[in-house]
């Protein structure tokens, strides 16, 4: 059967009950989901100016905070990465590691130039994926 008969009878009679630990975990999960959803909605509404979460540490160091490449990578983060579990994980890891890395790179012109060259494939990929997404949006309308 795969389940304890007493448990089945108990749940049939009294309904499923969650432990206080499970209830607290559910509450935390819902709060985190709501926070993430609000951030995503805010980002989607500000996607043209990318003001909701302006952090794009490496691109800002490489090109400047308002450069077209930086804004393109922000759009990619907001429109593509945020929609998947892997993308959200990647964003969290990036936000954890990038500030420290950029602090060490600051003022080192040659390394920043290498960073710029290293980020170019990401810019090209982001541009291609955003263009493809725009095609799908046009086809749906």
N, C-alpha and C. Protein backbone atom coordinates (compact mmCIF):
# COMPACT_ATOMS: atom_id res chain seq x y z
N UNK A 1 0.82 -1.19 0.00
CA UNK A 1 0.00 0.00 0.00
C UNK A 1 0.87 1.26 0.00
N UNK A 2 1.99 1.23 0.68
CA UNK A 2 2.89 2.37 0.65
C UNK A 2 2.59 3.42 1.70
N UNK A 3 1.53 3.27 2.47
CA UNK A 3 1.20 4.24 3.52
C UNK A 3 0.66 3.48 4.73
N UNK A 4 0.89 4.03 5.87
CA UNK A 4 0.40 3.42 7.10
C UNK A 4 -1.13 3.50 7.13
N UNK A 5 -1.77 2.39 7.43
CA UNK A 5 -3.24 2.36 7.45
C UNK A 5 -3.79 3.31 8.49
N UNK A 6 -3.12 3.41 9.62
CA UNK A 6 -3.58 4.33 10.68
C UNK A 6 -3.52 5.78 10.20
N UNK A 7 -2.44 6.09 9.48
CA UNK A 7 -2.31 7.45 8.95
C UNK A 7 -3.43 7.75 7.96
N UNK A 8 -3.74 6.80 7.10
CA UNK A 8 -4.81 6.99 6.12
C UNK A 8 -6.14 7.22 6.84
N UNK A 9 -6.43 6.41 7.85
CA UNK A 9 -7.67 6.58 8.62
C UNK A 9 -7.70 7.92 9.36
N UNK A 10 -6.56 8.28 9.97
CA UNK A 10 -6.49 9.55 10.69
C UNK A 10 -6.74 10.73 9.75
N UNK A 11 -6.08 10.72 8.57
CA UNK A 11 -6.25 11.82 7.62
C UNK A 11 -7.65 11.85 7.04
N UNK A 12 -8.27 10.68 6.89
CA UNK A 12 -9.65 10.64 6.39
C UNK A 12 -10.61 11.22 7.43
N UNK A 13 -10.35 10.95 8.69
CA UNK A 13 -11.23 11.41 9.75
C UNK A 13 -10.99 12.88 10.11
N UNK A 14 -9.71 13.28 10.24
CA UNK A 14 -9.41 14.62 10.75
C UNK A 14 -8.80 15.55 9.70
N UNK A 15 -8.51 15.02 8.54
CA UNK A 15 -7.87 15.85 7.51
C UNK A 15 -6.36 15.84 7.68
N UNK A 16 -5.66 16.25 6.61
CA UNK A 16 -4.20 16.30 6.69
C UNK A 16 -3.80 17.48 7.56
N UNK A 17 -2.85 17.26 8.43
CA UNK A 17 -2.35 18.33 9.29
C UNK A 17 -0.85 18.44 9.08
N UNK A 18 -0.39 19.66 9.03
CA UNK A 18 1.03 19.89 8.87
C UNK A 18 1.63 20.24 10.23
N UNK A 19 2.86 19.84 10.42
CA UNK A 19 3.54 20.13 11.68
C UNK A 19 3.86 21.63 11.73
N UNK A 20 4.10 22.17 12.92
CA UNK A 20 4.48 23.59 13.01
C UNK A 20 5.71 23.91 12.16
N UNK A 21 6.65 22.97 12.09
CA UNK A 21 7.85 23.18 11.27
C UNK A 21 7.48 23.28 9.79
N UNK A 22 6.58 22.41 9.34
CA UNK A 22 6.14 22.46 7.95
C UNK A 22 5.36 23.74 7.66
N UNK A 23 4.51 24.15 8.60
CA UNK A 23 3.74 25.38 8.41
C UNK A 23 4.67 26.59 8.32
N UNK A 24 5.71 26.62 9.14
CA UNK A 24 6.67 27.73 9.10
C UNK A 24 7.44 27.72 7.77
N UNK A 25 7.83 26.55 7.31
CA UNK A 25 8.53 26.45 6.03
C UNK A 25 7.64 26.91 4.88
N UNK A 26 6.37 26.55 4.92
CA UNK A 26 5.43 26.99 3.89
C UNK A 26 5.28 28.50 3.92
N UNK A 27 5.19 29.07 5.11
CA UNK A 27 5.05 30.52 5.26
C UNK A 27 6.29 31.24 4.69
N UNK A 28 7.49 30.72 5.02
CA UNK A 28 8.73 31.32 4.50
C UNK A 28 8.78 31.21 2.98
N UNK A 29 8.40 30.04 2.47
CA UNK A 29 8.42 29.84 1.02
C UNK A 29 7.47 30.78 0.30
N UNK A 30 6.30 30.96 0.85
CA UNK A 30 5.33 31.88 0.22
C UNK A 30 5.84 33.32 0.27
N UNK A 31 6.45 33.71 1.40
CA UNK A 31 6.99 35.07 1.51
C UNK A 31 8.10 35.30 0.48
N UNK A 32 8.99 34.32 0.33
CA UNK A 32 10.06 34.44 -0.66
C UNK A 32 9.51 34.48 -2.08
N UNK A 33 8.51 33.66 -2.34
CA UNK A 33 7.89 33.66 -3.67
C UNK A 33 7.25 35.02 -3.95
N UNK A 34 6.52 35.56 -2.98
CA UNK A 34 5.89 36.88 -3.16
C UNK A 34 6.93 37.95 -3.41
N UNK A 35 8.03 37.91 -2.67
CA UNK A 35 9.10 38.90 -2.85
C UNK A 35 9.71 38.78 -4.24
N UNK A 36 10.00 37.55 -4.66
CA UNK A 36 10.56 37.34 -5.99
C UNK A 36 9.60 37.81 -7.06
N UNK A 37 8.31 37.50 -6.90
CA UNK A 37 7.31 37.90 -7.88
C UNK A 37 7.23 39.43 -7.97
N UNK A 38 7.22 40.12 -6.82
CA UNK A 38 7.17 41.59 -6.84
C UNK A 38 8.40 42.15 -7.54
N UNK A 39 9.58 41.59 -7.27
CA UNK A 39 10.79 42.04 -7.94
C UNK A 39 10.70 41.83 -9.44
N UNK A 40 10.18 40.67 -9.85
CA UNK A 40 10.06 40.38 -11.29
C UNK A 40 9.08 41.31 -11.96
N UNK A 41 7.94 41.58 -11.31
CA UNK A 41 6.95 42.49 -11.88
C UNK A 41 7.53 43.89 -12.00
N UNK A 42 8.22 44.33 -10.96
CA UNK A 42 8.84 45.65 -10.98
C UNK A 42 9.89 45.71 -12.08
N UNK A 43 10.69 44.65 -12.22
CA UNK A 43 11.71 44.61 -13.26
C UNK A 43 11.09 44.63 -14.64
N UNK A 44 10.01 43.88 -14.83
CA UNK A 44 9.35 43.83 -16.13
C UNK A 44 8.79 45.19 -16.51
N UNK A 45 8.25 45.94 -15.53
CA UNK A 45 7.70 47.25 -15.84
C UNK A 45 8.79 48.27 -16.11
N UNK A 46 9.97 48.07 -15.52
CA UNK A 46 11.07 49.01 -15.71
C UNK A 46 12.12 48.47 -16.68
N UNK A 47 11.76 47.46 -17.45
CA UNK A 47 12.75 46.78 -18.26
C UNK A 47 13.42 47.71 -19.28
N UNK A 48 12.73 48.73 -19.74
CA UNK A 48 13.35 49.62 -20.71
C UNK A 48 14.46 50.45 -20.09
N UNK A 49 14.31 50.81 -18.83
CA UNK A 49 15.35 51.58 -18.16
C UNK A 49 16.13 50.75 -17.17
N UNK A 50 15.63 49.54 -16.84
CA UNK A 50 16.27 48.61 -15.91
C UNK A 50 16.62 49.27 -14.59
N UNK A 51 15.66 49.95 -13.99
CA UNK A 51 15.90 50.61 -12.71
C UNK A 51 15.52 49.75 -11.51
N UNK A 52 14.78 48.68 -11.70
CA UNK A 52 14.29 47.91 -10.56
C UNK A 52 15.44 47.31 -9.77
N UNK A 53 16.31 46.59 -10.40
CA UNK A 53 17.50 46.04 -9.76
C UNK A 53 18.65 46.34 -10.70
N UNK A 54 19.30 47.46 -10.51
CA UNK A 54 20.29 47.90 -11.48
C UNK A 54 21.62 47.17 -11.40
N UNK A 55 21.76 46.21 -10.50
CA UNK A 55 23.06 45.59 -10.33
C UNK A 55 23.43 44.77 -11.54
N UNK A 56 24.47 45.15 -12.16
CA UNK A 56 25.09 44.37 -13.21
C UNK A 56 26.58 44.69 -13.06
N UNK A 57 27.16 44.11 -12.03
CA UNK A 57 28.47 44.52 -11.54
C UNK A 57 29.56 44.48 -12.59
N UNK A 58 29.74 43.32 -13.21
CA UNK A 58 30.85 43.16 -14.16
C UNK A 58 30.66 44.04 -15.40
N UNK A 59 29.44 44.07 -15.94
CA UNK A 59 29.19 44.90 -17.13
C UNK A 59 29.33 46.38 -16.78
N UNK A 60 28.88 46.77 -15.59
CA UNK A 60 29.03 48.17 -15.19
C UNK A 60 30.49 48.54 -15.04
N UNK A 61 31.29 47.62 -14.53
CA UNK A 61 32.73 47.88 -14.42
C UNK A 61 33.38 47.93 -15.79
N UNK A 62 32.96 47.04 -16.69
CA UNK A 62 33.58 46.95 -18.02
C UNK A 62 33.19 48.12 -18.91
N UNK A 63 31.91 48.46 -18.98
CA UNK A 63 31.44 49.47 -19.92
C UNK A 63 30.85 50.71 -19.27
N UNK A 64 30.42 50.62 -18.03
CA UNK A 64 29.74 51.72 -17.37
C UNK A 64 28.29 51.33 -17.10
N UNK A 65 27.67 51.95 -16.09
CA UNK A 65 26.33 51.53 -15.68
C UNK A 65 25.22 51.81 -16.70
N UNK A 66 25.40 52.72 -17.61
CA UNK A 66 24.34 53.05 -18.57
C UNK A 66 24.71 52.71 -20.00
N UNK A 67 25.74 51.90 -20.19
CA UNK A 67 26.16 51.52 -21.53
C UNK A 67 25.13 50.59 -22.17
N UNK A 68 25.04 50.58 -23.49
CA UNK A 68 24.07 49.70 -24.16
C UNK A 68 24.30 48.22 -23.83
N UNK A 69 25.56 47.81 -23.71
CA UNK A 69 25.86 46.42 -23.38
C UNK A 69 25.34 46.05 -22.00
N UNK A 70 25.53 46.96 -21.04
CA UNK A 70 25.06 46.73 -19.68
C UNK A 70 23.54 46.64 -19.64
N UNK A 71 22.87 47.54 -20.32
CA UNK A 71 21.41 47.51 -20.37
C UNK A 71 20.90 46.25 -21.05
N UNK A 72 21.60 45.80 -22.09
CA UNK A 72 21.21 44.57 -22.78
C UNK A 72 21.31 43.37 -21.83
N UNK A 73 22.39 43.29 -21.06
CA UNK A 73 22.54 42.18 -20.12
C UNK A 73 21.49 42.26 -19.00
N UNK A 74 21.10 43.46 -18.60
CA UNK A 74 20.03 43.60 -17.62
C UNK A 74 18.69 43.08 -18.18
N UNK A 75 18.41 43.44 -19.42
CA UNK A 75 17.18 42.95 -20.05
C UNK A 75 17.19 41.43 -20.12
N UNK A 76 18.34 40.86 -20.48
CA UNK A 76 18.48 39.41 -20.55
C UNK A 76 18.22 38.79 -19.18
N UNK A 77 18.76 39.38 -18.14
CA UNK A 77 18.52 38.89 -16.78
C UNK A 77 17.04 38.93 -16.45
N UNK A 78 16.40 40.07 -16.73
CA UNK A 78 15.00 40.26 -16.33
C UNK A 78 14.03 39.45 -17.18
N UNK A 79 14.27 39.36 -18.47
CA UNK A 79 13.30 38.72 -19.36
C UNK A 79 13.53 37.23 -19.57
N UNK A 80 14.77 36.77 -19.43
CA UNK A 80 15.07 35.37 -19.73
C UNK A 80 15.50 34.61 -18.47
N UNK A 81 16.53 35.08 -17.80
CA UNK A 81 17.07 34.32 -16.67
C UNK A 81 16.10 34.19 -15.50
N UNK A 82 15.40 35.24 -15.17
CA UNK A 82 14.49 35.21 -14.02
C UNK A 82 13.35 34.21 -14.17
N UNK A 83 13.06 33.79 -15.38
CA UNK A 83 11.91 32.92 -15.62
C UNK A 83 12.21 31.44 -15.36
N UNK A 84 13.47 31.08 -15.14
CA UNK A 84 13.80 29.67 -14.91
C UNK A 84 14.47 29.50 -13.56
N UNK A 85 14.35 28.32 -13.01
CA UNK A 85 14.98 28.03 -11.72
C UNK A 85 16.49 28.14 -11.84
N UNK A 86 17.06 27.62 -12.93
CA UNK A 86 18.50 27.72 -13.12
C UNK A 86 18.92 29.19 -13.23
N UNK A 87 18.16 29.98 -13.95
CA UNK A 87 18.47 31.39 -14.11
C UNK A 87 18.46 32.12 -12.78
N UNK A 88 17.45 31.85 -11.95
CA UNK A 88 17.39 32.49 -10.62
C UNK A 88 18.56 32.05 -9.76
N UNK A 89 18.94 30.76 -9.85
CA UNK A 89 20.11 30.28 -9.11
C UNK A 89 21.36 31.01 -9.58
N UNK A 90 21.51 31.13 -10.91
CA UNK A 90 22.67 31.81 -11.47
C UNK A 90 22.74 33.27 -11.01
N UNK A 91 21.61 33.95 -11.00
CA UNK A 91 21.55 35.34 -10.54
C UNK A 91 22.00 35.44 -9.09
N UNK A 92 21.49 34.53 -8.23
CA UNK A 92 21.89 34.55 -6.81
C UNK A 92 23.39 34.35 -6.65
N UNK A 93 23.95 33.37 -7.37
CA UNK A 93 25.39 33.10 -7.29
C UNK A 93 26.17 34.32 -7.79
N UNK A 94 25.72 34.89 -8.89
CA UNK A 94 26.39 36.07 -9.45
C UNK A 94 26.36 37.24 -8.47
N UNK A 95 25.20 37.52 -7.88
CA UNK A 95 25.10 38.64 -6.94
C UNK A 95 25.92 38.40 -5.68
N UNK A 96 26.17 37.13 -5.37
CA UNK A 96 26.98 36.81 -4.20
C UNK A 96 28.47 37.01 -4.50
N UNK A 97 28.92 36.60 -5.69
CA UNK A 97 30.34 36.60 -6.00
C UNK A 97 30.83 37.86 -6.71
N UNK A 98 30.04 38.43 -7.58
CA UNK A 98 30.50 39.52 -8.46
C UNK A 98 30.97 40.77 -7.73
N UNK A 99 30.31 41.24 -6.66
CA UNK A 99 30.80 42.47 -6.02
C UNK A 99 32.23 42.35 -5.52
N UNK A 100 32.57 41.20 -4.96
CA UNK A 100 33.93 41.00 -4.45
C UNK A 100 34.94 40.94 -5.59
N UNK A 101 34.57 40.25 -6.66
CA UNK A 101 35.45 40.15 -7.83
C UNK A 101 35.68 41.54 -8.41
N UNK A 102 34.63 42.31 -8.57
CA UNK A 102 34.75 43.66 -9.15
C UNK A 102 35.56 44.59 -8.26
N UNK A 103 35.45 44.39 -6.96
CA UNK A 103 36.25 45.22 -6.04
C UNK A 103 37.74 44.99 -6.28
N UNK A 104 38.12 43.74 -6.56
CA UNK A 104 39.53 43.43 -6.82
C UNK A 104 39.98 43.89 -8.20
N UNK A 105 39.06 43.97 -9.14
CA UNK A 105 39.41 44.36 -10.51
C UNK A 105 39.41 45.87 -10.71
N UNK A 106 38.77 46.59 -9.84
CA UNK A 106 38.62 48.04 -10.01
C UNK A 106 39.97 48.73 -10.13
N UNK A 107 40.09 49.57 -11.16
CA UNK A 107 41.31 50.34 -11.38
C UNK A 107 42.36 49.62 -12.19
N UNK A 108 42.17 48.39 -12.53
CA UNK A 108 43.14 47.62 -13.32
C UNK A 108 42.67 47.60 -14.77
N UNK A 109 43.17 48.55 -15.55
CA UNK A 109 42.67 48.78 -16.90
C UNK A 109 42.83 47.58 -17.82
N UNK A 110 43.96 46.92 -17.76
CA UNK A 110 44.18 45.78 -18.66
C UNK A 110 43.22 44.63 -18.35
N UNK A 111 43.03 44.38 -17.08
CA UNK A 111 42.13 43.29 -16.69
C UNK A 111 40.69 43.66 -17.04
N UNK A 112 40.33 44.93 -16.87
CA UNK A 112 38.98 45.37 -17.24
C UNK A 112 38.77 45.24 -18.75
N UNK A 113 39.81 45.52 -19.52
CA UNK A 113 39.72 45.33 -20.97
C UNK A 113 39.51 43.85 -21.29
N UNK A 114 40.22 42.97 -20.60
CA UNK A 114 40.04 41.52 -20.79
C UNK A 114 38.63 41.10 -20.37
N UNK A 115 38.13 41.68 -19.29
CA UNK A 115 36.77 41.40 -18.83
C UNK A 115 35.76 41.79 -19.92
N UNK A 116 35.98 42.94 -20.52
CA UNK A 116 35.10 43.41 -21.60
C UNK A 116 35.09 42.39 -22.76
N UNK A 117 36.28 41.92 -23.13
CA UNK A 117 36.36 40.92 -24.20
C UNK A 117 35.70 39.61 -23.78
N UNK A 118 35.86 39.23 -22.52
CA UNK A 118 35.26 38.00 -22.03
C UNK A 118 33.75 38.06 -21.95
N UNK A 119 33.21 39.25 -21.73
CA UNK A 119 31.76 39.41 -21.64
C UNK A 119 31.07 39.52 -23.01
N UNK A 120 31.83 39.78 -24.05
CA UNK A 120 31.22 39.96 -25.37
C UNK A 120 30.42 38.74 -25.83
N UNK A 121 30.89 37.50 -25.64
CA UNK A 121 30.03 36.37 -26.02
C UNK A 121 28.69 36.36 -25.27
N UNK A 122 28.70 36.75 -24.01
CA UNK A 122 27.45 36.83 -23.24
C UNK A 122 26.53 37.89 -23.84
N UNK A 123 27.10 39.00 -24.28
CA UNK A 123 26.31 40.06 -24.90
C UNK A 123 25.70 39.55 -26.20
N UNK A 124 26.48 38.85 -27.00
CA UNK A 124 25.98 38.32 -28.28
C UNK A 124 24.86 37.32 -28.05
N UNK A 125 25.08 36.43 -27.08
CA UNK A 125 24.04 35.42 -26.78
C UNK A 125 22.77 36.10 -26.28
N UNK A 126 22.94 37.08 -25.38
CA UNK A 126 21.78 37.80 -24.84
C UNK A 126 21.02 38.51 -25.96
N UNK A 127 21.76 39.14 -26.86
CA UNK A 127 21.12 39.85 -27.98
C UNK A 127 20.33 38.88 -28.85
N UNK A 128 20.91 37.73 -29.15
CA UNK A 128 20.24 36.74 -30.00
C UNK A 128 18.99 36.18 -29.31
N UNK A 129 19.10 35.86 -28.03
CA UNK A 129 17.95 35.28 -27.32
C UNK A 129 16.82 36.30 -27.15
N UNK A 130 17.17 37.56 -26.88
CA UNK A 130 16.14 38.60 -26.76
C UNK A 130 15.47 38.84 -28.11
N UNK A 131 16.24 38.80 -29.20
CA UNK A 131 15.66 38.97 -30.53
C UNK A 131 14.70 37.83 -30.83
N UNK A 132 15.10 36.61 -30.47
CA UNK A 132 14.23 35.44 -30.69
C UNK A 132 12.96 35.57 -29.85
N UNK A 133 13.10 36.03 -28.61
CA UNK A 133 11.92 36.21 -27.76
C UNK A 133 10.99 37.26 -28.35
N UNK A 134 11.53 38.33 -28.89
CA UNK A 134 10.71 39.36 -29.52
C UNK A 134 9.98 38.82 -30.74
N UNK A 135 10.64 37.91 -31.49
CA UNK A 135 9.97 37.28 -32.63
C UNK A 135 8.75 36.49 -32.18
N UNK A 136 8.93 35.71 -31.10
CA UNK A 136 7.81 34.90 -30.59
C UNK A 136 6.69 35.80 -30.10
N UNK A 137 7.02 36.90 -29.48
CA UNK A 137 5.97 37.82 -29.01
C UNK A 137 5.20 38.40 -30.17
N UNK A 138 5.90 38.75 -31.25
CA UNK A 138 5.22 39.31 -32.42
C UNK A 138 4.32 38.27 -33.07
N UNK A 139 4.79 37.01 -33.11
CA UNK A 139 4.00 35.94 -33.71
C UNK A 139 2.74 35.64 -32.92
N UNK A 140 2.78 35.82 -31.60
CA UNK A 140 1.61 35.56 -30.75
C UNK A 140 0.54 36.62 -30.94
N UNK A 141 0.92 37.80 -31.31
CA UNK A 141 -0.06 38.89 -31.45
C UNK A 141 -0.68 38.89 -32.77
